[in-house]
């Protein structure tokens, strides 16, 4: 049995297709991967994150991007859509429309059963190569559990985990405090 080799796309081809598409797709190793619809819990967590983080970020001269803001990984030529990306100072964008961020300080991914392995694995390996990235926050959507990875001066990543509603996540790189209980407000964790 013979198999047809896959035709890989260039970054330029991906961007042309993606900018005209109605459904968002990420780009990794020359292939496009359509993004699945988010659950109610996922949406509520992102909403809560935006509501809590935005005033704090603005007071620090920072901003938060979400939904349709791509992040480019220059080392691999990959493009991902994080649930949120935070930038302090002037955001840098890929040449063309300002829809592809190059310099996030913090990236946030809300995990689901279908994305957790990817978000913790290869996606994080790619994100780590962004020179400006200082923190990577993973938030579980089906139980109270958050992992915050913080880049150390040595280049190593320090892991801090949170599993209690009374705890507060400190995003020191952008001057933002996120009470865990407020991130999960309205989320049904009994389902």
N, C-alpha and C. Protein backbone atom coordinates (compact mmCIF):
# COMPACT_ATOMS: atom_id res chain seq x y z
N UNK A 1 0.85 -1.18 0.00
CA UNK A 1 0.00 0.00 0.00
C UNK A 1 0.88 1.23 0.00
N UNK A 2 0.63 2.13 -0.91
CA UNK A 2 1.42 3.36 -0.96
C UNK A 2 0.59 4.51 -0.40
N UNK A 3 1.27 5.44 0.15
CA UNK A 3 0.57 6.61 0.66
C UNK A 3 1.11 7.86 -0.03
N UNK A 4 0.22 8.76 -0.24
CA UNK A 4 0.59 10.01 -0.88
C UNK A 4 1.32 10.88 0.13
N UNK A 5 2.44 11.48 -0.24
CA UNK A 5 3.10 12.39 0.69
C UNK A 5 2.23 13.63 0.89
N UNK A 6 2.27 14.14 2.11
CA UNK A 6 1.49 15.33 2.40
C UNK A 6 2.19 16.55 1.80
N UNK A 7 1.39 17.44 1.24
CA UNK A 7 1.92 18.68 0.74
C UNK A 7 1.96 19.67 1.90
N UNK A 8 3.14 20.16 2.20
CA UNK A 8 3.29 21.09 3.30
C UNK A 8 3.15 22.52 2.80
N UNK A 9 2.58 23.34 3.63
CA UNK A 9 2.39 24.75 3.30
C UNK A 9 3.57 25.57 3.79
N UNK A 10 3.81 26.68 3.12
CA UNK A 10 4.77 27.66 3.62
C UNK A 10 4.04 28.56 4.61
N UNK A 11 4.79 29.33 5.37
CA UNK A 11 4.18 30.29 6.28
C UNK A 11 3.31 31.28 5.52
N UNK A 12 3.79 31.73 4.38
CA UNK A 12 3.05 32.70 3.58
C UNK A 12 1.73 32.11 3.09
N UNK A 13 1.75 30.85 2.64
CA UNK A 13 0.52 30.20 2.20
C UNK A 13 -0.46 30.06 3.36
N UNK A 14 0.05 29.64 4.52
CA UNK A 14 -0.81 29.53 5.70
C UNK A 14 -1.47 30.86 6.01
N UNK A 15 -0.69 31.93 6.09
CA UNK A 15 -1.24 33.24 6.45
C UNK A 15 -2.29 33.71 5.44
N UNK A 16 -2.05 33.45 4.17
CA UNK A 16 -3.03 33.85 3.14
C UNK A 16 -4.34 33.10 3.33
N UNK A 17 -4.26 31.79 3.56
CA UNK A 17 -5.46 30.97 3.77
C UNK A 17 -6.14 31.38 5.07
N UNK A 18 -5.35 31.52 6.13
CA UNK A 18 -5.90 31.79 7.46
C UNK A 18 -6.59 33.14 7.54
N UNK A 19 -6.03 34.15 6.91
CA UNK A 19 -6.62 35.49 6.97
C UNK A 19 -7.96 35.55 6.24
N UNK A 20 -8.21 34.62 5.32
CA UNK A 20 -9.48 34.60 4.60
C UNK A 20 -10.47 33.58 5.17
N UNK A 21 -10.00 32.76 6.09
CA UNK A 21 -10.83 31.66 6.61
C UNK A 21 -11.83 32.14 7.66
N UNK A 22 -12.93 31.41 7.77
CA UNK A 22 -13.92 31.69 8.81
C UNK A 22 -13.62 30.94 10.09
N UNK A 23 -12.89 29.85 10.01
CA UNK A 23 -12.53 29.05 11.16
C UNK A 23 -11.02 29.19 11.39
N UNK A 24 -10.63 29.43 12.64
CA UNK A 24 -9.22 29.59 12.96
C UNK A 24 -8.49 28.26 12.92
N UNK A 25 -7.25 28.31 12.43
CA UNK A 25 -6.38 27.14 12.40
C UNK A 25 -4.99 27.53 12.87
N UNK A 26 -4.39 26.64 13.62
CA UNK A 26 -3.00 26.85 14.01
C UNK A 26 -2.12 26.21 12.95
N UNK A 27 -0.83 26.54 12.96
CA UNK A 27 0.10 26.10 11.93
C UNK A 27 1.33 25.52 12.61
N UNK A 28 1.63 24.26 12.28
CA UNK A 28 2.76 23.59 12.89
C UNK A 28 3.37 22.61 11.89
N UNK A 29 4.68 22.73 11.67
CA UNK A 29 5.41 21.85 10.75
C UNK A 29 4.76 21.78 9.37
N UNK A 30 4.35 22.93 8.85
CA UNK A 30 3.82 22.99 7.50
C UNK A 30 2.37 22.57 7.33
N UNK A 31 1.69 22.27 8.43
CA UNK A 31 0.31 21.83 8.36
C UNK A 31 -0.61 22.72 9.18
N UNK A 32 -1.83 22.85 8.70
CA UNK A 32 -2.86 23.62 9.40
C UNK A 32 -3.72 22.67 10.22
N UNK A 33 -4.06 23.11 11.45
CA UNK A 33 -4.90 22.31 12.34
C UNK A 33 -6.06 23.19 12.81
N UNK A 34 -7.28 22.83 12.40
CA UNK A 34 -8.46 23.60 12.79
C UNK A 34 -8.64 23.55 14.29
N UNK A 35 -9.05 24.66 14.86
CA UNK A 35 -9.26 24.74 16.30
C UNK A 35 -10.69 24.32 16.63
N UNK A 36 -10.81 23.53 17.67
CA UNK A 36 -12.12 23.05 18.11
C UNK A 36 -12.86 24.15 18.86
N UNK A 37 -14.16 24.05 18.90
CA UNK A 37 -14.97 24.99 19.66
C UNK A 37 -14.66 24.82 21.15
N UNK A 38 -14.75 25.91 21.89
CA UNK A 38 -14.45 25.89 23.32
C UNK A 38 -15.71 25.58 24.12
N UNK A 39 -15.52 24.93 25.26
CA UNK A 39 -16.64 24.60 26.16
C UNK A 39 -17.10 25.83 26.93
N UNK A 40 -18.23 25.69 27.61
CA UNK A 40 -18.71 26.79 28.44
C UNK A 40 -17.69 27.12 29.53
N UNK A 41 -17.15 26.10 30.19
CA UNK A 41 -16.17 26.33 31.25
C UNK A 41 -14.96 27.09 30.72
N UNK A 42 -14.49 26.68 29.56
CA UNK A 42 -13.36 27.35 28.91
C UNK A 42 -13.67 28.83 28.70
N UNK A 43 -14.82 29.11 28.14
CA UNK A 43 -15.22 30.49 27.87
C UNK A 43 -15.35 31.31 29.15
N UNK A 44 -15.92 30.72 30.19
CA UNK A 44 -16.08 31.44 31.45
C UNK A 44 -14.73 31.76 32.08
N UNK A 45 -13.80 30.83 32.02
CA UNK A 45 -12.46 31.07 32.58
C UNK A 45 -11.77 32.18 31.82
N UNK A 46 -11.84 32.17 30.49
CA UNK A 46 -11.23 33.24 29.70
C UNK A 46 -11.88 34.58 30.03
N UNK A 47 -13.22 34.60 30.13
CA UNK A 47 -13.92 35.83 30.50
C UNK A 47 -13.44 36.35 31.85
N UNK A 48 -13.36 35.46 32.84
CA UNK A 48 -12.92 35.85 34.17
C UNK A 48 -11.49 36.37 34.17
N UNK A 49 -10.64 35.71 33.41
CA UNK A 49 -9.25 36.16 33.28
C UNK A 49 -9.18 37.57 32.72
N UNK A 50 -9.94 37.82 31.65
CA UNK A 50 -9.93 39.14 31.02
C UNK A 50 -10.45 40.21 31.97
N UNK A 51 -11.53 39.91 32.67
CA UNK A 51 -12.13 40.88 33.58
C UNK A 51 -11.18 41.22 34.73
N UNK A 52 -10.48 40.23 35.25
CA UNK A 52 -9.58 40.46 36.37
C UNK A 52 -8.25 41.06 35.93
N UNK A 53 -7.71 40.61 34.83
CA UNK A 53 -6.37 41.02 34.41
C UNK A 53 -6.34 42.39 33.72
N UNK A 54 -7.36 42.71 32.92
CA UNK A 54 -7.30 43.93 32.10
C UNK A 54 -7.03 45.20 32.90
N UNK A 55 -7.78 45.51 33.98
CA UNK A 55 -7.49 46.75 34.71
C UNK A 55 -6.06 46.78 35.29
N UNK A 56 -5.60 45.64 35.78
CA UNK A 56 -4.25 45.58 36.35
C UNK A 56 -3.20 45.80 35.28
N UNK A 57 -3.39 45.18 34.12
CA UNK A 57 -2.43 45.31 33.03
C UNK A 57 -2.37 46.74 32.51
N UNK A 58 -3.53 47.34 32.31
CA UNK A 58 -3.56 48.71 31.81
C UNK A 58 -2.85 49.67 32.76
N UNK A 59 -2.99 49.46 34.06
CA UNK A 59 -2.33 50.33 35.03
C UNK A 59 -0.81 50.15 35.03
N UNK A 60 -0.33 49.05 34.47
CA UNK A 60 1.11 48.77 34.39
C UNK A 60 1.69 49.10 33.00
N UNK A 61 0.85 49.66 32.11
CA UNK A 61 1.32 49.92 30.75
C UNK A 61 1.40 48.67 29.90
N UNK A 62 0.58 47.69 30.27
CA UNK A 62 0.56 46.41 29.55
C UNK A 62 -0.80 46.23 28.89
N UNK A 63 -0.91 45.22 28.05
CA UNK A 63 -2.17 44.93 27.38
C UNK A 63 -2.35 43.42 27.29
N UNK A 64 -3.59 43.01 27.04
CA UNK A 64 -3.92 41.60 26.89
C UNK A 64 -4.64 41.41 25.56
N UNK A 65 -4.22 40.38 24.85
CA UNK A 65 -4.83 40.03 23.57
C UNK A 65 -5.46 38.65 23.71
N UNK A 66 -6.54 38.41 23.00
CA UNK A 66 -7.25 37.13 23.09
C UNK A 66 -8.00 36.90 21.79
N UNK A 67 -8.70 35.80 21.72
CA UNK A 67 -9.52 35.39 20.57
C UNK A 67 -8.71 35.24 19.30
N UNK A 68 -8.66 36.24 18.48
CA UNK A 68 -8.09 36.09 17.15
C UNK A 68 -6.66 36.59 17.00
N UNK A 69 -5.93 36.76 18.10
CA UNK A 69 -4.54 37.20 18.00
C UNK A 69 -3.62 35.98 17.96
N UNK A 70 -2.99 35.82 16.80
CA UNK A 70 -2.02 34.74 16.64
C UNK A 70 -0.70 35.14 17.30
N UNK A 71 0.08 34.13 17.70
CA UNK A 71 1.45 34.34 18.15
C UNK A 71 2.35 33.53 17.23
N UNK A 72 3.39 34.18 16.72
CA UNK A 72 4.33 33.49 15.83
C UNK A 72 5.54 33.02 16.62
N UNK A 73 5.93 31.78 16.36
CA UNK A 73 7.13 31.20 16.95
C UNK A 73 8.19 31.24 15.87
N UNK A 74 9.10 32.20 15.96
CA UNK A 74 10.04 32.41 14.86
C UNK A 74 10.99 31.22 14.67
N UNK A 75 11.41 30.56 15.75
CA UNK A 75 12.34 29.44 15.60
C UNK A 75 11.78 28.30 14.76
N UNK A 76 10.49 28.03 14.90
CA UNK A 76 9.89 26.90 14.18
C UNK A 76 8.98 27.32 13.03
N UNK A 77 8.68 28.62 12.93
CA UNK A 77 7.74 29.06 11.91
C UNK A 77 6.32 28.62 12.19
N UNK A 78 6.01 28.37 13.47
CA UNK A 78 4.67 27.95 13.86
C UNK A 78 3.84 29.16 14.25
N UNK A 79 2.51 28.98 14.20
CA UNK A 79 1.57 30.03 14.59
C UNK A 79 0.51 29.40 15.47
N UNK A 80 0.32 29.97 16.67
CA UNK A 80 -0.65 29.46 17.61
C UNK A 80 -1.60 30.58 18.05
N UNK A 81 -2.79 30.18 18.48
CA UNK A 81 -3.78 31.10 19.05
C UNK A 81 -3.92 30.80 20.54
N UNK A 82 -3.15 31.48 21.39
CA UNK A 82 -3.34 31.24 22.82
C UNK A 82 -4.67 31.83 23.28
N UNK A 83 -5.13 31.39 24.43
CA UNK A 83 -6.36 31.96 24.98
C UNK A 83 -6.14 33.41 25.39
N UNK A 84 -4.92 33.73 25.80
CA UNK A 84 -4.57 35.12 26.11
C UNK A 84 -3.07 35.28 25.96
N UNK A 85 -2.67 36.46 25.53
CA UNK A 85 -1.26 36.83 25.45
C UNK A 85 -1.12 38.23 26.02
N UNK A 86 -0.17 38.40 26.93
CA UNK A 86 0.02 39.69 27.58
C UNK A 86 1.35 40.30 27.14
N UNK A 87 1.31 41.61 26.91
CA UNK A 87 2.48 42.35 26.44
C UNK A 87 2.61 43.61 27.27
N UNK A 88 3.84 43.95 27.63
CA UNK A 88 4.11 45.23 28.28
C UNK A 88 4.95 46.06 27.32
N UNK A 89 4.65 47.36 27.28
CA UNK A 89 5.35 48.21 26.32
C UNK A 89 4.74 48.07 24.94
N UNK A 90 5.54 48.33 23.94
CA UNK A 90 5.05 48.33 22.56
C UNK A 90 4.94 46.91 22.00
N UNK A 91 3.75 46.52 21.57
CA UNK A 91 3.61 45.20 20.95
C UNK A 91 4.31 45.20 19.58
N UNK A 92 4.90 44.06 19.26
CA UNK A 92 5.54 43.89 17.95
C UNK A 92 4.70 42.90 17.16
N UNK A 93 4.45 43.27 15.89
CA UNK A 93 3.62 42.43 15.03
C UNK A 93 4.39 42.02 13.79
N UNK A 94 3.98 40.90 13.22
CA UNK A 94 4.50 40.45 11.94
C UNK A 94 4.14 41.49 10.89
N UNK A 95 4.99 41.67 9.91
CA UNK A 95 4.70 42.63 8.84
C UNK A 95 3.35 42.31 8.20
N UNK A 96 2.56 43.35 7.96
CA UNK A 96 1.22 43.16 7.41
C UNK A 96 0.20 43.59 8.43
N UNK A 97 -1.02 43.06 8.35
CA UNK A 97 -2.05 43.44 9.33
C UNK A 97 -1.57 43.09 10.75
N UNK A 98 -1.93 43.91 11.74
CA UNK A 98 -1.49 43.62 13.12
C UNK A 98 -2.31 42.50 13.77
N UNK A 99 -2.16 41.29 13.22
CA UNK A 99 -2.92 40.14 13.72
C UNK A 99 -2.03 38.99 14.18
N UNK A 100 -0.70 39.23 14.20
CA UNK A 100 0.23 38.18 14.61
C UNK A 100 1.27 38.80 15.53
N UNK A 101 1.16 38.48 16.81
CA UNK A 101 2.01 39.04 17.86
C UNK A 101 3.35 38.30 17.90
N UNK A 102 4.41 39.07 18.11
CA UNK A 102 5.75 38.48 18.14
C UNK A 102 6.38 38.50 19.54
N UNK A 103 5.91 39.37 20.44
CA UNK A 103 6.62 39.56 21.71
C UNK A 103 5.76 39.44 22.98
N UNK A 104 5.03 38.33 23.14
CA UNK A 104 4.27 38.19 24.40
C UNK A 104 5.21 38.00 25.59
N UNK A 105 4.81 38.56 26.73
CA UNK A 105 5.53 38.32 27.99
C UNK A 105 4.91 37.15 28.74
N UNK A 106 3.58 37.03 28.62
CA UNK A 106 2.85 35.94 29.26
C UNK A 106 1.91 35.33 28.23
N UNK A 107 1.84 34.02 28.21
CA UNK A 107 0.88 33.30 27.38
C UNK A 107 0.04 32.44 28.31
N UNK A 108 -1.29 32.44 28.07
CA UNK A 108 -2.22 31.66 28.88
C UNK A 108 -2.97 30.70 27.96
N UNK A 109 -3.02 29.45 28.40
CA UNK A 109 -3.81 28.43 27.70
C UNK A 109 -4.77 27.80 28.71
N UNK A 110 -6.05 27.74 28.35
CA UNK A 110 -7.05 27.02 29.16
C UNK A 110 -7.12 25.61 28.60
N UNK A 111 -6.90 24.64 29.48
CA UNK A 111 -6.79 23.24 29.05
C UNK A 111 -8.13 22.55 28.96
N UNK A 112 -8.24 21.66 27.99
CA UNK A 112 -9.36 20.73 27.90
C UNK A 112 -8.76 19.34 27.76
N UNK A 113 -9.57 18.31 27.87
CA UNK A 113 -9.05 16.95 27.74
C UNK A 113 -8.39 16.73 26.39
N UNK A 114 -8.94 17.37 25.35
CA UNK A 114 -8.39 17.14 24.00
C UNK A 114 -7.13 17.96 23.71
N UNK A 115 -6.86 19.03 24.49
CA UNK A 115 -5.69 19.88 24.19
C UNK A 115 -4.59 19.82 25.24
N UNK A 116 -4.86 19.24 26.39
CA UNK A 116 -3.90 19.32 27.50
C UNK A 116 -2.52 18.78 27.14
N UNK A 117 -2.47 17.62 26.56
CA UNK A 117 -1.17 17.02 26.23
C UNK A 117 -0.38 17.91 25.26
N UNK A 118 -1.05 18.44 24.27
CA UNK A 118 -0.42 19.32 23.28
C UNK A 118 0.05 20.62 23.93
N UNK A 119 -0.81 21.24 24.76
CA UNK A 119 -0.47 22.52 25.39
C UNK A 119 0.70 22.37 26.37
N UNK A 120 0.78 21.25 27.05
CA UNK A 120 1.88 21.00 27.99
C UNK A 120 3.16 20.54 27.29
N UNK A 121 3.01 19.96 26.12
CA UNK A 121 4.14 19.35 25.43
C UNK A 121 4.74 20.22 24.33
N UNK A 122 4.46 19.84 23.10
CA UNK A 122 5.10 20.50 21.96
C UNK A 122 4.80 22.00 21.88
N UNK A 123 3.58 22.37 22.24
CA UNK A 123 3.23 23.79 22.17
C UNK A 123 4.11 24.59 23.15
N UNK A 124 4.27 24.08 24.37
CA UNK A 124 5.12 24.75 25.34
C UNK A 124 6.57 24.75 24.87
N UNK A 125 7.03 23.67 24.28
CA UNK A 125 8.40 23.64 23.74
C UNK A 125 8.60 24.77 22.73
N UNK A 126 7.59 25.02 21.92
CA UNK A 126 7.67 26.10 20.94
C UNK A 126 7.61 27.46 21.62
N UNK A 127 6.66 27.65 22.52
CA UNK A 127 6.54 28.93 23.22
C UNK A 127 7.84 29.30 23.93
N UNK A 128 8.52 28.32 24.52
CA UNK A 128 9.75 28.59 25.28
C UNK A 128 10.83 29.26 24.43
N UNK A 129 10.75 29.13 23.13
CA UNK A 129 11.78 29.72 22.26
C UNK A 129 11.54 31.20 21.99
N UNK A 130 10.40 31.75 22.44
CA UNK A 130 10.13 33.19 22.25
C UNK A 130 10.97 33.95 23.27
N UNK A 131 11.92 34.78 22.83
CA UNK A 131 12.81 35.46 23.77
C UNK A 131 12.09 36.34 24.79
N UNK A 132 10.97 36.96 24.42
CA UNK A 132 10.25 37.86 25.32
C UNK A 132 9.40 37.12 26.36
N UNK A 133 9.11 35.83 26.14
CA UNK A 133 8.20 35.11 27.02
C UNK A 133 8.84 34.86 28.38
N UNK A 134 8.15 35.31 29.44
CA UNK A 134 8.64 35.14 30.80
C UNK A 134 7.79 34.18 31.62
N UNK A 135 6.48 34.07 31.27
CA UNK A 135 5.61 33.19 32.03
C UNK A 135 4.60 32.51 31.11
N UNK A 136 4.27 31.26 31.47
CA UNK A 136 3.30 30.46 30.72
C UNK A 136 2.34 29.87 31.74
N UNK A 137 1.06 30.24 31.62
CA UNK A 137 0.05 29.82 32.58
C UNK A 137 -0.92 28.85 31.92
N UNK A 138 -1.08 27.69 32.54
CA UNK A 138 -2.03 26.67 32.10
C UNK A 138 -3.13 26.57 33.14
N UNK A 139 -4.40 26.66 32.68
CA UNK A 139 -5.55 26.62 33.58
C UNK A 139 -6.44 25.46 33.17
N UNK A 140 -6.66 24.54 34.09
CA UNK A 140 -7.56 23.42 33.83
C UNK A 140 -9.00 23.93 33.76
N UNK A 141 -9.77 23.37 32.84
CA UNK A 141 -11.17 23.79 32.72
C UNK A 141 -12.14 22.82 33.41
N UNK A 142 -11.61 21.69 33.90
CA UNK A 142 -12.53 20.74 34.52
C UNK A 142 -12.27 20.48 36.00
N UNK A 143 -11.26 21.12 36.56
CA UNK A 143 -11.03 21.09 38.01
C UNK A 143 -10.13 22.27 38.38
N UNK A 144 -10.03 22.55 39.67
CA UNK A 144 -9.21 23.68 40.11
C UNK A 144 -7.76 23.24 40.08
N UNK A 145 -7.08 23.60 39.02
CA UNK A 145 -5.66 23.28 38.90
C UNK A 145 -5.02 24.19 37.87
N UNK A 146 -3.97 24.87 38.29
CA UNK A 146 -3.23 25.78 37.42
C UNK A 146 -1.75 25.51 37.56
N UNK A 147 -1.03 25.57 36.46
CA UNK A 147 0.43 25.46 36.46
C UNK A 147 0.97 26.75 35.86
N UNK A 148 1.89 27.37 36.59
CA UNK A 148 2.55 28.59 36.11
C UNK A 148 4.04 28.29 35.95
N UNK A 149 4.53 28.42 34.73
CA UNK A 149 5.95 28.25 34.44
C UNK A 149 6.56 29.64 34.32
N UNK A 150 7.66 29.87 35.05
CA UNK A 150 8.33 31.16 35.04
C UNK A 150 9.79 30.97 34.63
N UNK A 151 10.20 31.72 33.60
CA UNK A 151 11.59 31.63 33.12
C UNK A 151 12.52 32.24 34.17
N UNK A 152 13.55 31.50 34.50
CA UNK A 152 14.55 31.95 35.46
C UNK A 152 15.71 32.62 34.72
N UNK A 153 16.52 33.43 35.41
CA UNK A 153 17.67 34.05 34.75
C UNK A 153 18.60 33.05 34.06
N UNK A 154 18.64 31.82 34.57
CA UNK A 154 19.48 30.77 33.97
C UNK A 154 18.89 30.25 32.66
N UNK A 155 17.61 30.58 32.40
CA UNK A 155 16.92 30.03 31.23
C UNK A 155 16.05 28.84 31.57
N UNK A 156 16.22 28.28 32.76
CA UNK A 156 15.36 27.19 33.22
C UNK A 156 13.97 27.73 33.52
N UNK A 157 12.99 26.83 33.59
CA UNK A 157 11.61 27.21 33.88
C UNK A 157 11.22 26.64 35.24
N UNK A 158 10.76 27.51 36.13
CA UNK A 158 10.30 27.13 37.46
C UNK A 158 8.80 26.91 37.42
N UNK A 159 8.34 25.76 37.94
CA UNK A 159 6.92 25.42 37.95
C UNK A 159 6.32 25.72 39.32
N UNK A 160 5.22 26.47 39.33
CA UNK A 160 4.41 26.69 40.53
C UNK A 160 3.01 26.20 40.22
N UNK A 161 2.46 25.37 41.11
CA UNK A 161 1.12 24.82 40.88
C UNK A 161 0.15 25.34 41.92
N UNK A 162 -1.11 25.47 41.51
CA UNK A 162 -2.17 26.00 42.36
C UNK A 162 -3.37 25.07 42.25
N UNK A 163 -3.91 24.65 43.42
CA UNK A 163 -5.07 23.76 43.40
C UNK A 163 -6.09 24.11 44.48
N UNK A 164 -5.99 25.30 45.02
CA UNK A 164 -6.91 25.76 46.06
C UNK A 164 -7.54 27.08 45.64
N UNK A 165 -8.84 27.21 45.83
CA UNK A 165 -9.54 28.44 45.46
C UNK A 165 -9.03 29.65 46.25
N UNK A 166 -8.43 29.43 47.42
CA UNK A 166 -7.95 30.53 48.25
C UNK A 166 -6.60 31.08 47.78
N UNK A 167 -5.96 30.43 46.85
CA UNK A 167 -4.64 30.85 46.38
C UNK A 167 -4.75 31.98 45.36
N UNK A 168 -3.61 32.65 45.13
CA UNK A 168 -3.53 33.73 44.15
C UNK A 168 -2.32 33.48 43.25
N UNK A 169 -2.53 33.53 41.95
CA UNK A 169 -1.46 33.38 40.98
C UNK A 169 -0.82 34.75 40.77
N UNK A 170 0.50 34.81 40.90
CA UNK A 170 1.24 36.06 40.72
C UNK A 170 1.93 36.04 39.36
N UNK A 171 1.44 36.90 38.46
CA UNK A 171 2.12 37.08 37.18
C UNK A 171 3.05 38.29 37.34
N UNK A 172 4.19 38.04 37.97
CA UNK A 172 5.11 39.11 38.33
C UNK A 172 5.63 39.87 37.10
N UNK A 173 5.78 39.18 36.00
CA UNK A 173 6.36 39.81 34.81
C UNK A 173 5.49 40.92 34.24
N UNK A 174 4.18 40.91 34.58
CA UNK A 174 3.27 41.95 34.09
C UNK A 174 2.55 42.65 35.23
N UNK A 175 2.95 42.39 36.47
CA UNK A 175 2.34 43.05 37.62
C UNK A 175 0.87 42.73 37.82
N UNK A 176 0.51 41.46 37.72
CA UNK A 176 -0.89 41.06 37.76
C UNK A 176 -1.08 39.94 38.78
N UNK A 177 -2.10 40.09 39.62
CA UNK A 177 -2.47 39.07 40.62
C UNK A 177 -3.84 38.50 40.24
N UNK A 178 -3.92 37.18 40.20
CA UNK A 178 -5.16 36.52 39.79
C UNK A 178 -5.63 35.56 40.88
N UNK A 179 -6.63 35.96 41.69
CA UNK A 179 -7.19 35.03 42.67
C UNK A 179 -7.82 33.83 41.95
N UNK A 180 -7.43 32.64 42.37
CA UNK A 180 -7.91 31.42 41.71
C UNK A 180 -9.43 31.35 41.76
N UNK A 181 -10.03 31.70 42.90
CA UNK A 181 -11.50 31.65 43.02
C UNK A 181 -12.17 32.52 41.97
N UNK A 182 -11.58 33.67 41.66
CA UNK A 182 -12.19 34.56 40.67
C UNK A 182 -12.02 34.03 39.25
N UNK A 183 -10.96 33.29 38.99
CA UNK A 183 -10.79 32.69 37.66
C UNK A 183 -11.84 31.62 37.40
N UNK A 184 -12.28 30.94 38.46
CA UNK A 184 -13.26 29.86 38.31
C UNK A 184 -14.69 30.31 38.65
N UNK A 185 -14.90 31.60 38.83
CA UNK A 185 -16.24 32.09 39.18
C UNK A 185 -17.26 31.70 38.11
N UNK A 186 -18.35 31.06 38.54
CA UNK A 186 -19.41 30.66 37.63
C UNK A 186 -19.16 29.36 36.89
N UNK A 187 -18.00 28.74 37.08
CA UNK A 187 -17.66 27.50 36.38
C UNK A 187 -18.17 26.31 37.19
N UNK A 188 -18.95 25.44 36.55
CA UNK A 188 -19.48 24.25 37.20
C UNK A 188 -18.41 23.17 37.18
N UNK A 189 -17.79 22.94 38.33
CA UNK A 189 -16.71 21.95 38.42
C UNK A 189 -17.21 20.58 38.86
N UNK A 190 -18.53 20.43 38.99
CA UNK A 190 -19.10 19.14 39.40
C UNK A 190 -19.49 18.27 38.21
N UNK A 191 -19.46 18.82 37.05
CA UNK A 191 -19.90 18.07 35.85
C UNK A 191 -18.92 16.98 35.48
